[in-house]
PDB file of all heavy atoms in Angstrom:
ATOM      1  N   GLY A   1     163.439 -23.355 121.962  1.00  0.00           N
ATOM      2  CA  GLY A   1     164.513 -23.100 122.822  1.00  0.00           C
ATOM      3  C   GLY A   1     165.399 -21.971 122.178  1.00  0.00           C
ATOM      4  O   GLY A   1     166.366 -21.502 122.733  1.00  0.00           O
ATOM      5  N   GLY A   2     165.189 -21.538 121.021  1.00  0.00           N
ATOM      6  CA  GLY A   2     165.982 -20.642 120.198  1.00  0.00           C
ATOM      7  C   GLY A   2     165.711 -19.235 120.577  1.00  0.00           C
ATOM      8  O   GLY A   2     166.648 -18.379 120.214  1.00  0.00           O
ATOM      9  N   THR A   3     164.649 -18.738 121.135  1.00  0.00           N
ATOM     10  CA  THR A   3     164.401 -17.451 121.587  1.00  0.00           C
ATOM     11  C   THR A   3     164.061 -17.309 122.966  1.00  0.00           C
ATOM     12  O   THR A   3     163.257 -17.947 123.418  1.00  0.00           O
ATOM     13  CB  THR A   3     163.266 -16.923 120.813  1.00  0.00           C
ATOM     14  OG1 THR A   3     163.499 -16.937 119.429  1.00  0.00           O
ATOM     15  CG2 THR A   3     162.898 -15.434 120.972  1.00  0.00           C
ATOM     16  N   THR A   4     164.747 -16.466 123.640  1.00  0.00           N
ATOM     17  CA  THR A   4     164.404 -16.288 125.104  1.00  0.00           C
ATOM     18  C   THR A   4     164.187 -14.757 125.273  1.00  0.00           C
ATOM     19  O   THR A   4     164.833 -13.893 124.625  1.00  0.00           O
ATOM     20  CB  THR A   4     165.626 -16.812 125.958  1.00  0.00           C
ATOM     21  OG1 THR A   4     166.826 -16.120 125.553  1.00  0.00           O
ATOM     22  CG2 THR A   4     165.805 -18.162 125.776  1.00  0.00           C
ATOM     23  N   LYS A   5     163.419 -14.451 126.287  1.00  0.00           N
ATOM     24  CA  LYS A   5     163.249 -12.932 126.660  1.00  0.00           C
ATOM     25  C   LYS A   5     163.200 -12.895 128.287  1.00  0.00           C
ATOM     26  O   LYS A   5     162.793 -13.791 128.868  1.00  0.00           O
ATOM     27  CB  LYS A   5     161.805 -12.453 126.137  1.00  0.00           C
ATOM     28  CG  LYS A   5     161.858 -12.523 124.607  1.00  0.00           C
ATOM     29  CD  LYS A   5     160.597 -11.820 124.131  1.00  0.00           C
ATOM     30  CE  LYS A   5     160.562 -11.822 122.633  1.00  0.00           C
ATOM     31  NZ  LYS A   5     161.688 -10.942 121.963  1.00  0.00           N
ATOM     32  N   TYR A   6     163.643 -11.790 128.766  1.00  0.00           N
ATOM     33  CA  TYR A   6     163.910 -11.606 130.228  1.00  0.00           C
ATOM     34  C   TYR A   6     163.272 -10.311 130.568  1.00  0.00           C
ATOM     35  O   TYR A   6     163.271  -9.264 129.748  1.00  0.00           O
ATOM     36  CB  TYR A   6     165.349 -11.653 130.555  1.00  0.00           C
ATOM     37  CG  TYR A   6     165.933 -12.983 130.210  1.00  0.00           C
ATOM     38  CD1 TYR A   6     166.700 -13.223 129.106  1.00  0.00           C
ATOM     39  CD2 TYR A   6     165.978 -14.008 131.237  1.00  0.00           C
ATOM     40  CE1 TYR A   6     167.333 -14.450 128.746  1.00  0.00           C
ATOM     41  CE2 TYR A   6     166.524 -15.246 130.970  1.00  0.00           C
ATOM     42  CZ  TYR A   6     167.305 -15.426 129.792  1.00  0.00           C
ATOM     43  OH  TYR A   6     167.823 -16.639 129.519  1.00  0.00           O
ATOM     44  N   ALA A   7     162.810 -10.222 131.834  1.00  0.00           N
ATOM     45  CA  ALA A   7     162.464  -8.978 132.471  1.00  0.00           C
ATOM     46  C   ALA A   7     163.729  -8.186 132.579  1.00  0.00           C
ATOM     47  O   ALA A   7     164.766  -8.561 132.975  1.00  0.00           O
ATOM     48  CB  ALA A   7     161.673  -9.146 133.723  1.00  0.00           C
ATOM     49  N   ASP A   8     163.652  -6.807 132.446  1.00  0.00           N
ATOM     50  CA  ASP A   8     164.753  -5.930 132.645  1.00  0.00           C
ATOM     51  C   ASP A   8     165.331  -6.128 134.095  1.00  0.00           C
ATOM     52  O   ASP A   8     166.679  -5.927 134.296  1.00  0.00           O
ATOM     53  CB  ASP A   8     164.322  -4.464 132.446  1.00  0.00           C
ATOM     54  CG  ASP A   8     164.210  -4.257 130.892  1.00  0.00           C
ATOM     55  OD1 ASP A   8     164.655  -4.920 130.140  1.00  0.00           O
ATOM     56  OD2 ASP A   8     163.608  -3.160 130.619  1.00  0.00           O
ATOM     57  N   SER A   9     164.429  -6.337 135.054  1.00  0.00           N
ATOM     58  CA  SER A   9     164.902  -6.473 136.473  1.00  0.00           C
ATOM     59  C   SER A   9     165.814  -7.685 136.710  1.00  0.00           C
ATOM     60  O   SER A   9     166.589  -7.544 137.715  1.00  0.00           O
ATOM     61  CB  SER A   9     163.661  -6.486 137.335  1.00  0.00           C
ATOM     62  OG  SER A   9     163.036  -7.654 137.201  1.00  0.00           O
ATOM     63  N   ILE A  10     165.732  -8.574 135.957  1.00  0.00           N
ATOM     64  CA  ILE A  10     166.653  -9.718 136.162  1.00  0.00           C
ATOM     65  C   ILE A  10     167.606 -10.228 135.035  1.00  0.00           C
ATOM     66  O   ILE A  10     168.449 -11.092 135.210  1.00  0.00           O
ATOM     67  CB  ILE A  10     165.693 -11.062 136.473  1.00  0.00           C
ATOM     68  CG1 ILE A  10     164.796 -11.389 135.235  1.00  0.00           C
ATOM     69  CG2 ILE A  10     164.926 -10.749 137.763  1.00  0.00           C
ATOM     70  CD1 ILE A  10     165.449 -12.153 134.274  1.00  0.00           C
ATOM     71  N   LYS A  11     167.563  -9.372 133.936  1.00  0.00           N
ATOM     72  CA  LYS A  11     168.422  -9.678 132.832  1.00  0.00           C
ATOM     73  C   LYS A  11     169.924  -9.638 133.307  1.00  0.00           C
ATOM     74  O   LYS A  11     170.291  -8.690 133.973  1.00  0.00           O
ATOM     75  CB  LYS A  11     168.234  -8.773 131.755  1.00  0.00           C
ATOM     76  CG  LYS A  11     168.800  -9.086 130.372  1.00  0.00           C
ATOM     77  CD  LYS A  11     168.433  -8.278 129.308  1.00  0.00           C
ATOM     78  CE  LYS A  11     168.931  -8.667 127.953  1.00  0.00           C
ATOM     79  NZ  LYS A  11     168.447  -7.936 126.800  1.00  0.00           N
ATOM     80  N   GLY A  12     170.638 -10.577 132.953  1.00  0.00           N
ATOM     81  CA  GLY A  12     171.988 -10.687 133.324  1.00  0.00           C
ATOM     82  C   GLY A  12     172.224 -11.541 134.534  1.00  0.00           C
ATOM     83  O   GLY A  12     173.481 -11.810 134.789  1.00  0.00           O
ATOM     84  N   ARG A  13     171.266 -11.682 135.321  1.00  0.00           N
ATOM     85  CA  ARG A  13     171.378 -12.621 136.564  1.00  0.00           C
ATOM     86  C   ARG A  13     170.669 -13.912 136.367  1.00  0.00           C
ATOM     87  O   ARG A  13     171.169 -14.912 136.944  1.00  0.00           O
ATOM     88  CB  ARG A  13     170.765 -11.665 137.684  1.00  0.00           C
ATOM     89  CG  ARG A  13     171.407 -10.502 137.985  1.00  0.00           C
ATOM     90  CD  ARG A  13     170.931  -9.797 139.305  1.00  0.00           C
ATOM     91  NE  ARG A  13     169.455  -9.564 139.142  1.00  0.00           N
ATOM     92  CZ  ARG A  13     168.613  -9.902 140.047  1.00  0.00           C
ATOM     93  NH1 ARG A  13     168.874 -10.904 140.911  1.00  0.00           N
ATOM     94  NH2 ARG A  13     167.250  -9.589 139.899  1.00  0.00           N
ATOM     95  N   PHE A  14     169.565 -13.978 135.639  1.00  0.00           N
ATOM     96  CA  PHE A  14     168.895 -15.269 135.502  1.00  0.00           C
ATOM     97  C   PHE A  14     168.951 -15.797 134.076  1.00  0.00           C
ATOM     98  O   PHE A  14     169.164 -15.030 133.165  1.00  0.00           O
ATOM     99  CB  PHE A  14     167.366 -15.045 135.759  1.00  0.00           C
ATOM    100  CG  PHE A  14     167.035 -14.544 137.230  1.00  0.00           C
ATOM    101  CD1 PHE A  14     167.965 -14.468 138.076  1.00  0.00           C
ATOM    102  CD2 PHE A  14     165.674 -14.559 137.501  1.00  0.00           C
ATOM    103  CE1 PHE A  14     167.566 -14.056 139.414  1.00  0.00           C
ATOM    104  CE2 PHE A  14     165.217 -14.129 138.766  1.00  0.00           C
ATOM    105  CZ  PHE A  14     166.325 -13.883 139.710  1.00  0.00           C
ATOM    106  N   THR A  15     168.828 -17.066 133.955  1.00  0.00           N
ATOM    107  CA  THR A  15     168.875 -17.789 132.679  1.00  0.00           C
ATOM    108  C   THR A  15     167.873 -18.774 132.559  1.00  0.00           C
ATOM    109  O   THR A  15     167.762 -19.645 133.469  1.00  0.00           O
ATOM    110  CB  THR A  15     170.329 -18.381 132.386  1.00  0.00           C
ATOM    111  OG1 THR A  15     171.388 -17.476 132.490  1.00  0.00           O
ATOM    112  CG2 THR A  15     170.327 -18.919 131.018  1.00  0.00           C
ATOM    113  N   ILE A  16     167.021 -18.751 131.573  1.00  0.00           N
ATOM    114  CA  ILE A  16     166.052 -19.751 131.262  1.00  0.00           C
ATOM    115  C   ILE A  16     166.529 -20.788 130.217  1.00  0.00           C
ATOM    116  O   ILE A  16     167.187 -20.386 129.266  1.00  0.00           O
ATOM    117  CB  ILE A  16     164.749 -19.170 130.868  1.00  0.00           C
ATOM    118  CG1 ILE A  16     163.656 -20.224 130.816  1.00  0.00           C
ATOM    119  CG2 ILE A  16     164.759 -18.471 129.463  1.00  0.00           C
ATOM    120  CD1 ILE A  16     162.190 -19.742 130.602  1.00  0.00           C
ATOM    121  N   SER A  17     166.121 -21.912 130.383  1.00  0.00           N
ATOM    122  CA  SER A  17     166.594 -23.023 129.473  1.00  0.00           C
ATOM    123  C   SER A  17     165.540 -24.058 129.392  1.00  0.00           C
ATOM    124  O   SER A  17     164.813 -24.247 130.365  1.00  0.00           O
ATOM    125  CB  SER A  17     168.090 -23.586 129.710  1.00  0.00           C
ATOM    126  OG  SER A  17     168.078 -24.164 131.031  1.00  0.00           O
ATOM    127  N   ARG A  18     165.661 -25.001 128.416  1.00  0.00           N
ATOM    128  CA  ARG A  18     164.760 -26.029 128.425  1.00  0.00           C
ATOM    129  C   ARG A  18     165.392 -27.298 127.869  1.00  0.00           C
ATOM    130  O   ARG A  18     166.289 -27.193 126.961  1.00  0.00           O
ATOM    131  CB  ARG A  18     163.477 -25.798 127.602  1.00  0.00           C
ATOM    132  CG  ARG A  18     163.685 -25.469 126.085  1.00  0.00           C
ATOM    133  CD  ARG A  18     162.360 -25.041 125.396  1.00  0.00           C
ATOM    134  NE  ARG A  18     161.289 -25.995 125.533  1.00  0.00           N
ATOM    135  CZ  ARG A  18     160.016 -25.622 125.350  1.00  0.00           C
ATOM    136  NH1 ARG A  18     159.651 -24.275 125.091  1.00  0.00           N
ATOM    137  NH2 ARG A  18     159.092 -26.618 125.420  1.00  0.00           N
ATOM    138  N   ASP A  19     164.957 -28.415 128.283  1.00  0.00           N
ATOM    139  CA  ASP A  19     165.495 -29.732 127.746  1.00  0.00           C
ATOM    140  C   ASP A  19     164.271 -30.409 127.298  1.00  0.00           C
ATOM    141  O   ASP A  19     163.523 -31.152 128.107  1.00  0.00           O
ATOM    142  CB  ASP A  19     166.216 -30.512 128.879  1.00  0.00           C
ATOM    143  CG  ASP A  19     166.972 -31.799 128.276  1.00  0.00           C
ATOM    144  OD1 ASP A  19     166.480 -32.316 127.297  1.00  0.00           O
ATOM    145  OD2 ASP A  19     167.878 -32.265 128.941  1.00  0.00           O
ATOM    146  N   ASN A  20     164.031 -30.385 125.967  1.00  0.00           N
ATOM    147  CA  ASN A  20     162.726 -31.057 125.449  1.00  0.00           C
ATOM    148  C   ASN A  20     162.796 -32.568 125.696  1.00  0.00           C
ATOM    149  O   ASN A  20     161.791 -33.161 125.829  1.00  0.00           O
ATOM    150  CB  ASN A  20     162.561 -30.671 124.087  1.00  0.00           C
ATOM    151  CG  ASN A  20     162.150 -29.178 123.853  1.00  0.00           C
ATOM    152  OD1 ASN A  20     161.833 -28.565 124.834  1.00  0.00           O
ATOM    153  ND2 ASN A  20     162.139 -28.729 122.594  1.00  0.00           N
ATOM    154  N   ALA A  21     164.030 -33.121 125.654  1.00  0.00           N
ATOM    155  CA  ALA A  21     164.063 -34.620 125.811  1.00  0.00           C
ATOM    156  C   ALA A  21     163.561 -34.984 127.297  1.00  0.00           C
ATOM    157  O   ALA A  21     163.161 -36.091 127.410  1.00  0.00           O
ATOM    158  CB  ALA A  21     165.505 -35.083 125.561  1.00  0.00           C
ATOM    159  N   LYS A  22     163.825 -34.110 128.220  1.00  0.00           N
ATOM    160  CA  LYS A  22     163.318 -34.358 129.558  1.00  0.00           C
ATOM    161  C   LYS A  22     162.073 -33.600 129.881  1.00  0.00           C
ATOM    162  O   LYS A  22     161.500 -33.867 131.157  1.00  0.00           O
ATOM    163  CB  LYS A  22     164.442 -33.909 130.501  1.00  0.00           C
ATOM    164  CG  LYS A  22     165.706 -34.594 130.479  1.00  0.00           C
ATOM    165  CD  LYS A  22     166.715 -34.315 131.410  1.00  0.00           C
ATOM    166  CE  LYS A  22     168.025 -35.053 131.318  1.00  0.00           C
ATOM    167  NZ  LYS A  22     169.143 -34.602 132.298  1.00  0.00           N
ATOM    168  N   ASN A  23     161.366 -32.928 129.062  1.00  0.00           N
ATOM    169  CA  ASN A  23     160.266 -32.226 129.283  1.00  0.00           C
ATOM    170  C   ASN A  23     160.304 -31.280 130.498  1.00  0.00           C
ATOM    171  O   ASN A  23     159.440 -31.234 131.391  1.00  0.00           O
ATOM    172  CB  ASN A  23     159.087 -33.211 129.536  1.00  0.00           C
ATOM    173  CG  ASN A  23     158.547 -33.811 128.277  1.00  0.00           C
ATOM    174  OD1 ASN A  23     159.110 -33.750 127.185  1.00  0.00           O
ATOM    175  ND2 ASN A  23     157.475 -34.627 128.310  1.00  0.00           N
ATOM    176  N   THR A  24     161.441 -30.599 130.590  1.00  0.00           N
ATOM    177  CA  THR A  24     161.758 -29.696 131.737  1.00  0.00           C
ATOM    178  C   THR A  24     162.250 -28.263 131.213  1.00  0.00           C
ATOM    179  O   THR A  24     163.040 -28.207 130.346  1.00  0.00           O
ATOM    180  CB  THR A  24     162.743 -30.511 132.593  1.00  0.00           C
ATOM    181  OG1 THR A  24     162.321 -31.736 133.052  1.00  0.00           O
ATOM    182  CG2 THR A  24     163.096 -29.669 133.855  1.00  0.00           C
ATOM    183  N   VAL A  25     161.813 -27.476 131.950  1.00  0.00           N
ATOM    184  CA  VAL A  25     162.355 -26.093 131.756  1.00  0.00           C
ATOM    185  C   VAL A  25     163.053 -25.680 133.116  1.00  0.00           C
ATOM    186  O   VAL A  25     162.447 -25.942 134.152  1.00  0.00           O
ATOM    187  CB  VAL A  25     161.207 -25.011 131.376  1.00  0.00           C
ATOM    188  CG1 VAL A  25     160.190 -24.910 132.398  1.00  0.00           C
ATOM    189  CG2 VAL A  25     161.803 -23.760 131.118  1.00  0.00           C
ATOM    190  N   TYR A  26     164.083 -24.914 133.104  1.00  0.00           N
ATOM    191  CA  TYR A  26     164.899 -24.503 134.184  1.00  0.00           C
ATOM    192  C   TYR A  26     164.971 -22.848 134.194  1.00  0.00           C
ATOM    193  O   TYR A  26     164.960 -22.252 133.182  1.00  0.00           O
ATOM    194  CB  TYR A  26     166.274 -25.015 134.162  1.00  0.00           C
ATOM    195  CG  TYR A  26     166.403 -26.507 133.896  1.00  0.00           C
ATOM    196  CD1 TYR A  26     166.467 -27.102 132.610  1.00  0.00           C
ATOM    197  CD2 TYR A  26     166.305 -27.411 135.016  1.00  0.00           C
ATOM    198  CE1 TYR A  26     166.596 -28.436 132.234  1.00  0.00           C
ATOM    199  CE2 TYR A  26     166.433 -28.720 134.869  1.00  0.00           C
ATOM    200  CZ  TYR A  26     166.529 -29.268 133.601  1.00  0.00           C
ATOM    201  OH  TYR A  26     166.646 -30.631 133.393  1.00  0.00           O
ATOM    202  N   LEU A  27     165.202 -22.489 135.464  1.00  0.00           N
ATOM    203  CA  LEU A  27     165.453 -21.036 135.692  1.00  0.00           C
ATOM    204  C   LEU A  27     166.629 -20.973 136.666  1.00  0.00           C
ATOM    205  O   LEU A  27     166.524 -21.230 137.881  1.00  0.00           O
ATOM    206  CB  LEU A  27     164.426 -20.320 136.224  1.00  0.00           C
ATOM    207  CG  LEU A  27     164.483 -18.669 136.506  1.00  0.00           C
ATOM    208  CD1 LEU A  27     164.650 -18.178 134.976  1.00  0.00           C
ATOM    209  CD2 LEU A  27     163.463 -18.142 137.217  1.00  0.00           C
ATOM    210  N   GLN A  28     167.880 -20.672 136.097  1.00  0.00           N
ATOM    211  CA  GLN A  28     169.060 -20.483 136.918  1.00  0.00           C
ATOM    212  C   GLN A  28     169.088 -19.015 137.381  1.00  0.00           C
ATOM    213  O   GLN A  28     169.103 -18.191 136.649  1.00  0.00           O
ATOM    214  CB  GLN A  28     170.325 -20.725 136.174  1.00  0.00           C
ATOM    215  CG  GLN A  28     171.596 -20.601 136.836  1.00  0.00           C
ATOM    216  CD  GLN A  28     171.763 -21.607 138.031  1.00  0.00           C
ATOM    217  OE1 GLN A  28     171.620 -22.715 137.722  1.00  0.00           O
ATOM    218  NE2 GLN A  28     172.195 -21.108 139.207  1.00  0.00           N
ATOM    219  N   MET A  29     169.035 -18.887 138.763  1.00  0.00           N
ATOM    220  CA  MET A  29     169.086 -17.602 139.269  1.00  0.00           C
ATOM    221  C   MET A  29     170.269 -17.366 140.098  1.00  0.00           C
ATOM    222  O   MET A  29     170.598 -18.019 141.024  1.00  0.00           O
ATOM    223  CB  MET A  29     167.746 -17.407 140.297  1.00  0.00           C
ATOM    224  CG  MET A  29     166.576 -17.865 139.517  1.00  0.00           C
ATOM    225  SD  MET A  29     164.979 -17.505 140.633  1.00  0.00           S
ATOM    226  CE  MET A  29     165.319 -18.793 141.862  1.00  0.00           C
ATOM    227  N   ASN A  30     171.044 -16.312 139.620  1.00  0.00           N
ATOM    228  CA  ASN A  30     172.270 -15.883 140.252  1.00  0.00           C
ATOM    229  C   ASN A  30     172.180 -14.586 140.841  1.00  0.00           C
ATOM    230  O   ASN A  30     171.391 -13.678 140.446  1.00  0.00           O
ATOM    231  CB  ASN A  30     173.393 -15.990 139.341  1.00  0.00           C
ATOM    232  CG  ASN A  30     173.722 -17.455 138.758  1.00  0.00           C
ATOM    233  OD1 ASN A  30     173.552 -18.424 139.503  1.00  0.00           O
ATOM    234  ND2 ASN A  30     174.057 -17.484 137.578  1.00  0.00           N
TER     235      ASN A  30
END
């Protein structure tokens, strides 16, 4: 979870995160 990369088209609007304890990855889209 220490390194993230984004497409230029969505950078600043979307955020990716992960919760390894829950085996889940998220994409917050604003």
